[in-house]
Amino acid sequence: MKKKDKKIKNTVSIFGKTLSSHNFFALILCVVIGAVMTSRTIYINQKLSKNTEIVVAEVIDIYQSHNGLRLWGYEMKYKYLFRGNEVIKHTTIQKNEIDRIHIGDCIEVIVSLDDVKVQKWNKSKGTFTCQ
């Protein structure tokens, strides 16, 4: 009987399904992370859909980055002037975009006027020669 009691303590019953306490914790963690990512995406899209300014930025570096999980990716660093201040940002790029982007090229960046931390490279415009 004691073994049955121990099993009951390590499980959680939710919506008629029985889960181990570890799986329940993982489920809650996934739901929280998903909610945060979804709300962040909605926030960014909302800020970039109204009250924005388009600026021209110069590509200053393209490099391979490591995120700590043995996964390698590529990033592009660019700078632009916004309200008299020089801003340096970076964004991830796909491996197939590396051949089309060169240091010294210019890109179009959409910046939210409500939250200047929210900005996005207008990929549909591509890269062009700086003037």
Protein backbone atom coordinates (compact mmCIF):
# COMPACT_ATOMS: atom_id res chain seq x y z
CA MET A 1 0.00 0.00 0.00
CA LYS A 2 2.81 2.43 0.68
CA LYS A 3 4.11 2.00 -2.87
CA LYS A 4 0.74 2.97 -4.32
CA ASP A 5 0.62 6.09 -2.13
CA LYS A 6 4.07 7.08 -3.34
CA LYS A 7 2.97 6.78 -6.98
CA ILE A 8 -0.03 8.97 -6.31
CA LYS A 9 2.19 11.68 -4.77
CA ASN A 10 4.40 11.80 -7.89
CA THR A 11 1.52 12.21 -10.32
CA VAL A 12 -0.87 15.00 -11.19
CA SER A 13 -4.33 14.49 -12.59
CA ILE A 14 -5.40 17.15 -15.05
CA PHE A 15 -8.49 16.99 -17.28
CA GLY A 16 -8.86 13.31 -16.43
CA LYS A 17 -5.31 12.50 -17.54
CA THR A 18 -2.64 11.43 -15.11
CA LEU A 19 0.83 12.89 -15.61
CA SER A 20 4.01 12.47 -13.66
CA SER A 21 4.98 15.58 -11.73
CA HIS A 22 8.05 16.04 -13.98
CA ASN A 23 5.94 15.94 -17.15
CA PHE A 24 3.45 18.33 -15.58
CA PHE A 25 6.24 20.79 -14.78
CA ALA A 26 7.56 20.50 -18.37
CA LEU A 27 4.04 21.10 -19.73
CA ILE A 28 3.58 24.22 -17.58
CA LEU A 29 7.02 25.49 -18.63
CA CYS A 30 6.21 24.99 -22.33
CA VAL A 31 2.89 26.80 -21.94
CA VAL A 32 4.55 29.77 -20.19
CA ILE A 33 7.36 30.02 -22.77
CA GLY A 34 4.81 29.77 -25.60
CA ALA A 35 2.67 32.50 -24.05
CA VAL A 36 5.67 34.82 -23.62
CA MET A 37 6.86 34.24 -27.20
CA THR A 38 3.37 34.78 -28.60
CA SER A 39 2.77 37.97 -26.63
CA ARG A 40 6.22 39.31 -27.64
CA THR A 41 5.49 38.63 -31.33
CA ILE A 42 2.09 40.32 -31.08
CA TYR A 43 3.68 43.33 -29.32
CA ILE A 44 6.39 43.71 -31.97
CA ASN A 45 3.94 43.34 -34.86
CA GLN A 46 1.59 45.87 -33.26
CA LYS A 47 4.38 48.43 -32.75
CA LEU A 48 5.66 47.97 -36.32
CA SER A 49 2.20 48.26 -37.87
CA LYS A 50 1.70 51.91 -36.90
CA ASN A 51 3.71 55.03 -36.05
CA THR A 52 6.99 53.95 -37.64
CA GLU A 53 9.87 55.55 -39.45
CA ILE A 54 12.00 54.03 -42.19
CA VAL A 55 15.75 54.59 -41.93
CA VAL A 56 18.67 53.51 -44.07
CA ALA A 57 21.30 51.45 -42.25
CA GLU A 58 24.79 50.44 -43.33
CA VAL A 59 25.94 46.83 -42.91
CA ILE A 60 29.12 46.90 -40.83
CA ASP A 61 29.73 43.21 -40.12
CA ILE A 62 28.58 39.73 -41.09
CA TYR A 63 29.66 36.89 -38.84
CA GLN A 64 28.93 33.39 -37.72
CA SER A 65 27.46 33.21 -34.23
CA HIS A 66 27.18 30.43 -31.70
CA ASN A 67 24.20 30.25 -29.38
CA GLY A 68 25.71 27.86 -26.84
CA LEU A 69 23.72 24.81 -27.90
CA ARG A 70 26.18 23.62 -30.55
CA LEU A 71 24.09 25.44 -33.12
CA TRP A 72 25.74 27.91 -35.44
CA GLY A 73 23.95 30.70 -37.20
CA TYR A 74 24.77 33.90 -39.04
CA GLU A 75 24.23 37.46 -37.94
CA MET A 76 24.50 40.83 -39.58
CA LYS A 77 25.46 43.96 -37.65
CA TYR A 78 24.33 47.32 -38.98
CA LYS A 79 24.31 50.96 -37.92
CA TYR A 80 22.02 53.90 -38.60
CA LEU A 81 21.32 57.39 -37.36
CA PHE A 82 18.06 57.87 -35.49
CA ARG A 83 17.11 61.20 -33.90
CA GLY A 84 20.74 62.30 -33.96
CA ASN A 85 22.08 59.18 -32.27
CA GLU A 86 24.05 56.39 -33.90
CA VAL A 87 22.36 53.05 -33.29
CA ILE A 88 24.11 49.70 -33.79
CA LYS A 89 21.90 46.60 -33.97
CA HIS A 90 22.18 43.07 -35.24
CA THR A 91 19.82 40.55 -36.74
CA THR A 92 19.99 36.91 -37.70
CA ILE A 93 20.29 36.03 -41.34
CA GLN A 94 19.83 32.80 -43.24
CA LYS A 95 22.76 30.93 -44.71
CA ASN A 96 21.43 31.47 -48.25
CA GLU A 97 21.42 35.27 -47.69
CA ILE A 98 25.15 35.51 -46.97
CA ASP A 99 26.13 35.68 -50.65
CA ARG A 100 23.75 38.59 -51.29
CA ILE A 101 24.77 40.76 -48.30
CA HIS A 102 28.12 42.55 -48.22
CA ILE A 103 29.79 44.85 -45.72
CA GLY A 104 29.17 48.42 -46.85
CA ASP A 105 25.76 47.67 -48.38
CA CYS A 106 22.71 49.50 -47.13
CA ILE A 107 19.43 48.07 -45.89
CA GLU A 108 16.08 49.56 -44.98
CA VAL A 109 15.08 49.33 -41.31
CA ILE A 110 11.61 49.98 -39.94
CA VAL A 111 11.78 51.60 -36.47
CA SER A 112 8.83 52.04 -34.13
CA LEU A 113 8.48 55.59 -32.84
CA ASP A 114 6.58 54.35 -29.78
CA ASP A 115 9.36 51.97 -28.70
CA VAL A 116 12.68 52.60 -30.44
CA LYS A 117 13.98 49.20 -29.29
CA VAL A 118 11.48 47.62 -31.68
CA GLN A 119 12.93 47.60 -35.18
CA LYS A 120 13.02 45.23 -38.12
CA TRP A 121 15.01 44.84 -41.32
CA ASN A 122 12.74 45.22 -44.34
CA LYS A 123 13.92 42.08 -46.16
CA SER A 124 11.57 42.65 -49.08
CA LYS A 125 13.66 45.68 -50.04
CA GLY A 126 16.90 43.65 -49.98
CA THR A 127 20.28 45.36 -49.97
CA PHE A 128 21.36 48.29 -52.10
CA THR A 129 24.41 50.49 -52.63
CA CYS A 130 24.79 53.25 -50.06
CA GLN A 131 24.75 56.80 -51.38
